N, C-alpha and C. Protein backbone atom coordinates (compact mmCIF):
# COMPACT_ATOMS: atom_id res chain seq x y z
N ASN A 1 4.13 -4.70 -13.54
CA ASN A 1 4.09 -4.64 -12.07
C ASN A 1 3.43 -5.76 -11.84
N SER A 2 2.22 -6.93 -12.65
CA SER A 2 1.67 -7.88 -11.86
C SER A 2 2.53 -8.98 -12.42
N VAL A 3 3.20 -9.03 -13.25
CA VAL A 3 3.82 -10.03 -13.69
C VAL A 3 5.27 -10.25 -12.89
N LEU A 4 5.87 -9.13 -12.52
CA LEU A 4 6.93 -9.04 -11.67
C LEU A 4 6.43 -9.27 -10.04
N SER A 5 5.10 -8.65 -9.72
CA SER A 5 4.48 -9.61 -8.59
C SER A 5 4.28 -11.13 -8.70
N GLU A 6 4.06 -11.67 -10.09
CA GLU A 6 3.90 -12.98 -10.46
C GLU A 6 5.27 -13.55 -9.73
N CYS A 7 6.46 -12.90 -10.97
CA CYS A 7 7.38 -13.74 -10.46
C CYS A 7 8.23 -14.08 -8.73
N GLN A 8 7.87 -13.14 -7.96
CA GLN A 8 8.24 -13.03 -7.17
C GLN A 8 7.48 -13.54 -6.03
N LEU A 9 6.22 -14.03 -6.20
CA LEU A 9 5.29 -14.62 -5.73
C LEU A 9 5.94 -16.54 -5.65
N ARG A 10 6.76 -17.01 -6.33
CA ARG A 10 7.23 -17.92 -6.40
C ARG A 10 7.95 -18.03 -5.40
N LYS A 11 8.76 -17.00 -5.46
CA LYS A 11 9.97 -16.99 -4.05
C LYS A 11 9.52 -17.41 -2.83
N LYS A 12 10.34 -17.73 -2.24
CA LYS A 12 10.15 -17.85 -0.67
C LYS A 12 9.79 -17.21 -0.04
N HIS A 13 10.23 -15.71 0.39
CA HIS A 13 9.44 -14.57 1.07
C HIS A 13 8.61 -13.92 0.56
N LYS A 14 7.19 -14.20 0.44
CA LYS A 14 6.35 -13.85 -0.23
C LYS A 14 6.00 -12.55 0.88
N GLU A 15 5.52 -12.48 1.82
CA GLU A 15 5.35 -11.02 2.55
C GLU A 15 6.35 -10.43 2.88
N ARG A 16 7.57 -10.42 3.42
CA ARG A 16 9.03 -9.55 3.09
C ARG A 16 9.00 -8.60 1.80
N PHE A 17 8.32 -9.51 0.42
CA PHE A 17 8.99 -8.28 -0.43
C PHE A 17 7.28 -7.85 -0.36
N LEU A 18 5.86 -8.08 0.11
CA LEU A 18 5.28 -7.46 0.26
C LEU A 18 5.59 -6.07 0.95
N TRP A 19 6.10 -6.45 2.35
CA TRP A 19 6.83 -5.42 3.24
C TRP A 19 7.61 -4.19 2.43
N ILE A 20 8.63 -4.67 1.73
CA ILE A 20 9.82 -4.07 0.96
C ILE A 20 8.94 -3.21 0.13
N ASN A 21 7.60 -3.44 -0.59
CA ASN A 21 7.45 -2.48 -1.46
C ASN A 21 6.35 -1.70 -0.99
N ILE A 22 5.63 -1.48 0.65
CA ILE A 22 5.26 -0.68 1.11
C ILE A 22 6.19 0.53 1.32
N PHE A 23 7.55 -0.05 1.82
CA PHE A 23 8.34 0.69 2.05
C PHE A 23 9.13 1.75 1.29
N LEU A 24 9.05 0.87 0.00
CA LEU A 24 9.54 1.67 -1.29
C LEU A 24 8.40 2.75 -1.49
N TYR A 25 7.20 2.50 -1.75
CA TYR A 25 6.09 3.69 -1.66
C TYR A 25 6.04 5.06 -1.04
N ARG A 26 6.29 4.35 0.50
CA ARG A 26 6.27 5.25 1.11
C ARG A 26 7.51 6.29 1.53
N VAL A 27 8.76 5.78 1.01
CA VAL A 27 10.02 6.25 0.73
C VAL A 27 10.07 7.18 -0.34
N SER A 28 9.49 6.69 -1.48
CA SER A 28 9.32 7.14 -2.52
C SER A 28 8.53 8.81 -2.73
N LEU A 29 7.31 8.68 -1.80
CA LEU A 29 6.28 9.28 -2.05
C LEU A 29 6.83 10.60 -1.24
N PHE A 30 7.80 10.21 -0.19
CA PHE A 30 7.93 11.47 1.03
C PHE A 30 9.31 12.09 0.00
N VAL A 31 9.64 11.25 -0.90
CA VAL A 31 11.11 11.81 -1.24
C VAL A 31 10.72 13.12 -2.67
N PHE A 32 9.38 12.72 -3.34
CA PHE A 32 8.52 13.37 -3.91
C PHE A 32 7.83 14.46 -3.67
N THR A 33 8.31 14.51 -2.08
CA THR A 33 7.62 16.08 -1.76
C THR A 33 8.79 17.06 -1.51
N MET A 34 10.41 16.38 -1.66
CA MET A 34 11.51 17.44 -2.02
C MET A 34 11.83 17.94 -2.26
N PHE A 35 11.03 17.59 -3.70
CA PHE A 35 11.33 18.06 -4.97
C PHE A 35 11.16 19.62 -5.28
N PRO A 36 11.69 20.82 -5.02
CA PRO A 36 10.94 21.77 -5.10
C PRO A 36 9.83 21.73 -6.74
N HIS A 37 10.45 21.53 -7.72
CA HIS A 37 9.21 21.59 -8.75
C HIS A 37 8.48 20.41 -9.43
N PHE A 38 7.59 20.59 -9.70
CA PHE A 38 7.27 19.55 -9.81
C PHE A 38 7.69 18.94 -10.92
N ALA A 39 8.18 19.24 -12.26
CA ALA A 39 8.80 18.95 -13.29
C ALA A 39 10.46 17.58 -12.57
N ALA A 40 11.14 18.45 -11.82
CA ALA A 40 12.06 17.58 -11.17
C ALA A 40 11.18 16.43 -10.37
N GLY A 41 10.11 16.91 -9.71
CA GLY A 41 9.32 15.45 -9.06
C GLY A 41 8.97 14.23 -9.82
N LEU A 42 8.83 14.33 -11.03
CA LEU A 42 8.66 13.58 -12.18
C LEU A 42 10.01 12.54 -12.42
N VAL A 43 11.10 12.22 -11.65
CA VAL A 43 11.99 11.37 -12.03
C VAL A 43 11.07 10.72 -10.93
N ILE A 44 10.87 10.52 -9.49
CA ILE A 44 10.54 10.05 -8.32
C ILE A 44 9.46 9.15 -8.84
N LEU A 45 8.34 10.13 -9.58
CA LEU A 45 6.75 9.30 -9.80
C LEU A 45 7.20 7.78 -10.69
N PRO A 46 7.91 7.58 -10.98
CA PRO A 46 7.63 6.19 -11.87
C PRO A 46 7.75 5.20 -10.05
N VAL A 47 9.05 5.63 -9.47
CA VAL A 47 8.90 4.76 -8.47
C VAL A 47 7.89 4.02 -7.43
N VAL A 48 7.27 5.72 -7.08
CA VAL A 48 6.24 6.07 -6.77
C VAL A 48 4.72 5.27 -6.70
N GLY A 49 4.88 5.26 -8.14
CA GLY A 49 3.88 4.56 -9.02
C GLY A 49 4.18 2.78 -9.10
N PHE A 50 5.13 2.19 -9.05
CA PHE A 50 5.69 1.28 -9.00
C PHE A 50 5.67 0.59 -7.53
N GLY A 51 6.06 1.45 -6.53
CA GLY A 51 5.34 0.65 -5.25
C GLY A 51 4.45 0.85 -5.07
N ALA A 52 2.95 1.51 -5.64
CA ALA A 52 1.78 1.74 -5.41
C ALA A 52 1.10 -0.16 -5.90
N THR A 53 1.78 -0.01 -7.08
CA THR A 53 0.81 -1.04 -8.21
C THR A 53 1.31 -2.09 -7.47
N THR A 54 2.33 -2.38 -7.31
CA THR A 54 3.16 -3.93 -6.82
C THR A 54 2.41 -3.71 -5.64
N PHE A 55 2.15 -3.08 -4.58
CA PHE A 55 1.40 -3.32 -3.61
C PHE A 55 0.29 -4.14 -3.29
N LEU A 56 -0.30 -3.20 -3.89
CA LEU A 56 -1.94 -3.32 -4.29
C LEU A 56 -1.79 -4.96 -5.10
N ALA A 57 -1.19 -5.14 -5.82
CA ALA A 57 -1.34 -6.62 -6.91
C ALA A 57 -0.92 -7.50 -5.81
N LEU A 58 0.43 -7.48 -5.26
CA LEU A 58 0.96 -7.94 -4.16
C LEU A 58 -0.20 -8.83 -3.02
N ALA A 59 -0.68 -8.18 -2.14
CA ALA A 59 -1.85 -7.90 -1.34
C ALA A 59 -2.76 -8.71 -1.86
N ASN A 60 -3.16 -8.41 -3.25
CA ASN A 60 -4.64 -9.32 -3.22
C ASN A 60 -4.21 -10.19 -3.44
N ILE A 61 -2.94 -10.71 -4.17
CA ILE A 61 -2.74 -12.04 -4.30
C ILE A 61 -2.94 -13.00 -3.10
N LEU A 62 -1.92 -12.09 -1.97
CA LEU A 62 -1.95 -13.04 -0.78
C LEU A 62 -2.58 -13.17 -0.34
N LEU A 63 -4.06 -12.47 -0.13
CA LEU A 63 -4.99 -12.45 0.41
C LEU A 63 -5.91 -13.74 -0.13
N GLN A 64 -5.72 -13.69 -1.59
CA GLN A 64 -7.00 -15.11 -1.77
C GLN A 64 -5.44 -15.91 -1.34
N MET A 65 -4.36 -16.32 -1.59
CA MET A 65 -3.75 -17.40 -1.74
C MET A 65 -3.86 -17.72 -0.02
N ASN A 66 -3.78 -16.78 1.16
CA ASN A 66 -4.01 -17.43 2.53
C ASN A 66 -5.17 -17.37 3.02
N THR A 67 -6.35 -16.92 2.32
CA THR A 67 -7.79 -17.02 2.95
C THR A 67 -8.50 -18.60 2.67
N PRO A 68 -9.16 -18.85 3.68
CA PRO A 68 -10.04 -20.15 2.96
C PRO A 68 -10.80 -20.03 2.42
N GLY A 69 -11.21 -20.71 1.20
CA GLY A 69 -12.23 -20.85 0.54
C GLY A 69 -12.98 -20.52 0.97
N ALA A 70 -14.12 -20.56 2.14
CA ALA A 70 -15.34 -20.18 1.85
C ALA A 70 -15.28 -18.65 2.84
N LEU A 71 -14.16 -18.05 2.84
CA LEU A 71 -14.28 -16.66 3.62
C LEU A 71 -13.79 -15.75 2.33
N THR A 72 -12.77 -16.06 1.39
CA THR A 72 -12.34 -15.40 0.39
C THR A 72 -13.29 -14.56 0.14
N GLY A 73 -14.93 -14.94 -0.43
CA GLY A 73 -15.39 -13.08 -1.06
C GLY A 73 -15.92 -12.25 0.14
N ARG A 74 -15.88 -12.70 1.31
CA ARG A 74 -15.95 -12.16 2.20
C ARG A 74 -15.02 -11.19 2.59
N VAL A 75 -13.68 -11.65 2.61
CA VAL A 75 -12.41 -11.46 2.94
C VAL A 75 -12.13 -10.01 1.68
N LEU A 76 -12.32 -10.67 0.91
CA LEU A 76 -12.06 -9.80 -0.61
C LEU A 76 -13.17 -8.36 -0.72
N SER A 77 -13.88 -8.60 -0.59
CA SER A 77 -15.30 -7.74 -0.58
C SER A 77 -14.90 -6.39 0.60
N ILE A 78 -14.38 -6.91 1.59
CA ILE A 78 -14.33 -6.26 2.71
C ILE A 78 -12.27 -5.41 2.32
N TRP A 79 -11.44 -5.79 1.56
CA TRP A 79 -10.76 -5.31 0.97
C TRP A 79 -11.11 -4.02 0.13
N MET A 80 -12.01 -4.51 -0.53
CA MET A 80 -12.52 -3.86 -1.36
C MET A 80 -12.98 -2.23 -0.78
N ILE A 81 -13.53 -2.58 0.00
CA ILE A 81 -14.43 -1.74 0.77
C ILE A 81 -13.21 -0.90 1.15
N GLY A 82 -12.25 -0.94 1.31
CA GLY A 82 -10.85 -0.20 2.07
C GLY A 82 -10.35 1.06 0.61
N GLY A 83 -10.63 0.33 -0.28
CA GLY A 83 -10.61 0.89 -1.69
C GLY A 83 -11.24 2.23 -1.92
N SER A 84 -12.40 1.94 -1.60
CA SER A 84 -13.17 2.69 -1.80
C SER A 84 -13.72 3.93 -0.84
N MET A 85 -12.24 3.57 0.31
CA MET A 85 -12.41 4.58 1.72
C MET A 85 -11.30 6.10 1.35
N VAL A 86 -10.52 6.06 0.00
CA VAL A 86 -9.96 7.04 -0.44
C VAL A 86 -10.08 8.89 -0.03
N GLN A 87 -11.61 8.86 -0.95
CA GLN A 87 -12.45 9.75 -0.73
C GLN A 87 -12.76 10.52 0.40
N MET A 88 -12.69 9.39 1.70
CA MET A 88 -12.33 9.78 3.12
C MET A 88 -11.76 10.77 3.54
N GLY A 89 -10.14 10.30 3.07
CA GLY A 89 -9.02 11.12 3.27
C GLY A 89 -9.03 12.82 2.48
N ALA A 90 -9.67 12.71 1.67
CA ALA A 90 -9.76 14.03 1.09
C ALA A 90 -9.65 15.01 1.82
N LEU A 91 -10.73 15.39 2.34
CA LEU A 91 -11.42 16.22 2.80
C LEU A 91 -9.91 16.62 3.90
N PRO A 92 -9.96 15.94 4.74
CA PRO A 92 -8.42 16.28 5.82
C PRO A 92 -7.41 16.64 5.27
N MET A 93 -6.62 15.99 4.03
CA MET A 93 -5.87 16.46 3.38
C MET A 93 -5.84 17.36 2.10
N GLY A 94 -6.95 17.62 2.08
CA GLY A 94 -7.48 19.33 1.52
C GLY A 94 -7.39 20.25 2.59
N LEU A 95 -7.61 20.02 3.89
CA LEU A 95 -7.17 20.89 4.77
C LEU A 95 -5.87 21.21 5.66
N ILE A 96 -5.61 19.82 5.33
CA ILE A 96 -4.32 20.13 5.80
C ILE A 96 -2.95 20.95 4.80
N ALA A 97 -3.15 20.65 3.41
CA ALA A 97 -2.82 21.38 2.04
C ALA A 97 -2.95 22.83 1.97
N SER A 98 -4.02 22.92 2.49
CA SER A 98 -4.50 24.85 1.98
C SER A 98 -3.87 25.12 3.73
N GLY A 99 -3.63 24.83 4.90
CA GLY A 99 -2.99 25.47 6.00
C GLY A 99 -1.98 25.40 5.86
N MET A 100 -0.97 24.26 6.09
CA MET A 100 0.18 23.73 6.07
C MET A 100 0.93 23.89 4.59
N GLY A 101 0.48 23.65 3.25
CA GLY A 101 1.42 23.74 2.20
C GLY A 101 0.70 22.06 1.28
N ILE A 102 0.90 22.18 0.14
CA ILE A 102 0.59 20.50 -0.14
C ILE A 102 1.92 19.80 -0.03
N ARG A 103 2.78 20.28 0.05
CA ARG A 103 4.52 19.23 0.21
C ARG A 103 4.01 18.74 1.26
N PHE A 104 3.94 19.59 2.61
CA PHE A 104 4.08 18.90 3.69
C PHE A 104 2.76 18.19 3.36
N ALA A 105 1.55 17.94 3.21
CA ALA A 105 0.28 17.23 3.36
C ALA A 105 0.75 16.26 2.50
N ILE A 106 1.39 15.79 1.43
CA ILE A 106 1.94 14.43 1.04
C ILE A 106 2.86 13.72 1.28
N GLY A 107 3.62 15.14 2.34
CA GLY A 107 5.12 14.37 2.48
C GLY A 107 4.61 13.06 4.23
N ALA A 108 3.71 13.70 5.01
CA ALA A 108 2.51 13.48 5.91
C ALA A 108 1.90 12.41 5.85
N GLY A 109 1.85 12.22 4.35
CA GLY A 109 0.76 11.35 3.62
C GLY A 109 1.82 9.94 3.51
N GLY A 110 2.90 10.23 2.88
CA GLY A 110 4.01 9.18 2.85
C GLY A 110 4.29 8.57 3.87
N ALA A 111 4.40 9.65 4.76
CA ALA A 111 5.36 9.42 6.53
C ALA A 111 4.46 8.22 7.37
N SER A 112 2.93 8.77 6.85
CA SER A 112 2.03 7.93 7.49
C SER A 112 1.61 6.33 7.75
N ILE A 113 2.41 6.19 6.42
CA ILE A 113 1.82 4.83 5.82
C ILE A 113 2.48 3.78 7.13
N SER A 114 1.46 2.96 7.02
CA SER A 114 1.72 2.10 8.67
C SER A 114 2.84 1.26 8.24
N PRO A 115 4.54 1.43 9.09
CA PRO A 115 4.98 0.16 9.00
C PRO A 115 4.98 -0.78 9.82
N ARG A 116 5.53 -2.08 9.52
CA ARG A 116 4.65 -3.38 9.36
C ARG A 116 5.10 -3.45 11.75
N HIS A 117 4.14 -3.84 11.91
CA HIS A 117 3.95 -3.80 13.39
C HIS A 117 4.21 -5.44 13.71
N GLY A 118 5.10 -5.45 14.62
CA GLY A 118 6.01 -6.91 14.97
C GLY A 118 4.48 -7.81 15.37
N GLY A 119 5.07 -9.14 15.84
CA GLY A 119 4.06 -9.92 16.84
C GLY A 119 3.52 -11.25 15.70
N ARG A 120 2.99 -11.97 16.30
CA ARG A 120 3.19 -12.82 15.47
C ARG A 120 1.48 -12.64 14.66
N ARG A 121 1.32 -13.52 13.62
CA ARG A 121 -0.07 -13.53 13.24
C ARG A 121 -1.04 -14.37 14.00
N ARG A 122 -2.15 -13.30 14.17
CA ARG A 122 -3.38 -14.51 14.81
C ARG A 122 -4.08 -15.07 14.01
N GLN A 123 -4.55 -16.53 14.81
CA GLN A 123 -5.50 -16.72 13.71
C GLN A 123 -7.07 -16.41 14.01
N ILE A 124 -8.04 -16.31 12.32
CA ILE A 124 -9.34 -15.33 13.18
C ILE A 124 -10.19 -15.99 13.18
N TYR A 125 -9.87 -17.14 12.24
CA TYR A 125 -10.81 -18.16 11.48
C TYR A 125 -10.52 -19.77 11.97
N SER A 126 -11.92 -20.46 12.26
CA SER A 126 -11.62 -21.93 12.83
C SER A 126 -12.19 -22.54 11.47
N GLN A 127 -11.40 -23.81 11.12
CA GLN A 127 -11.80 -24.43 10.20
C GLN A 127 -12.33 -25.72 10.92
N SER A 128 -14.00 -25.96 10.74
CA SER A 128 -14.32 -27.49 11.24
C SER A 128 -13.89 -28.58 9.79
N GLY A 129 -13.84 -29.69 10.59
CA GLY A 129 -13.59 -30.75 10.14
C GLY A 129 -12.61 -31.16 9.35
């Protein structure tokens, strides 16, 4: 997946490829929940993994490419904090799964992955000199 991400980064529309991977992950995770048996769901699981892994690799690369050198360490440390916050969602997800079922919980999680919000990108830093 990292090799594929690197090949895609050489193309013109890097951000579009990132959003395509987010959409692929979101839809494939939702489709995974529609299979009534786990064995049947194994068919779509590689697509879920591809979407998630490619998104993470590409997002990391784009962060490093688009962040000024002086801020790279700070930005990447915030990005890494996000990866450690996964455990905070485990309790609510478990409560939803116990109340409404595991298929509903995973499907809702897949459907809630944020789609792209419109609008222009804001410049949040200023370069001096």
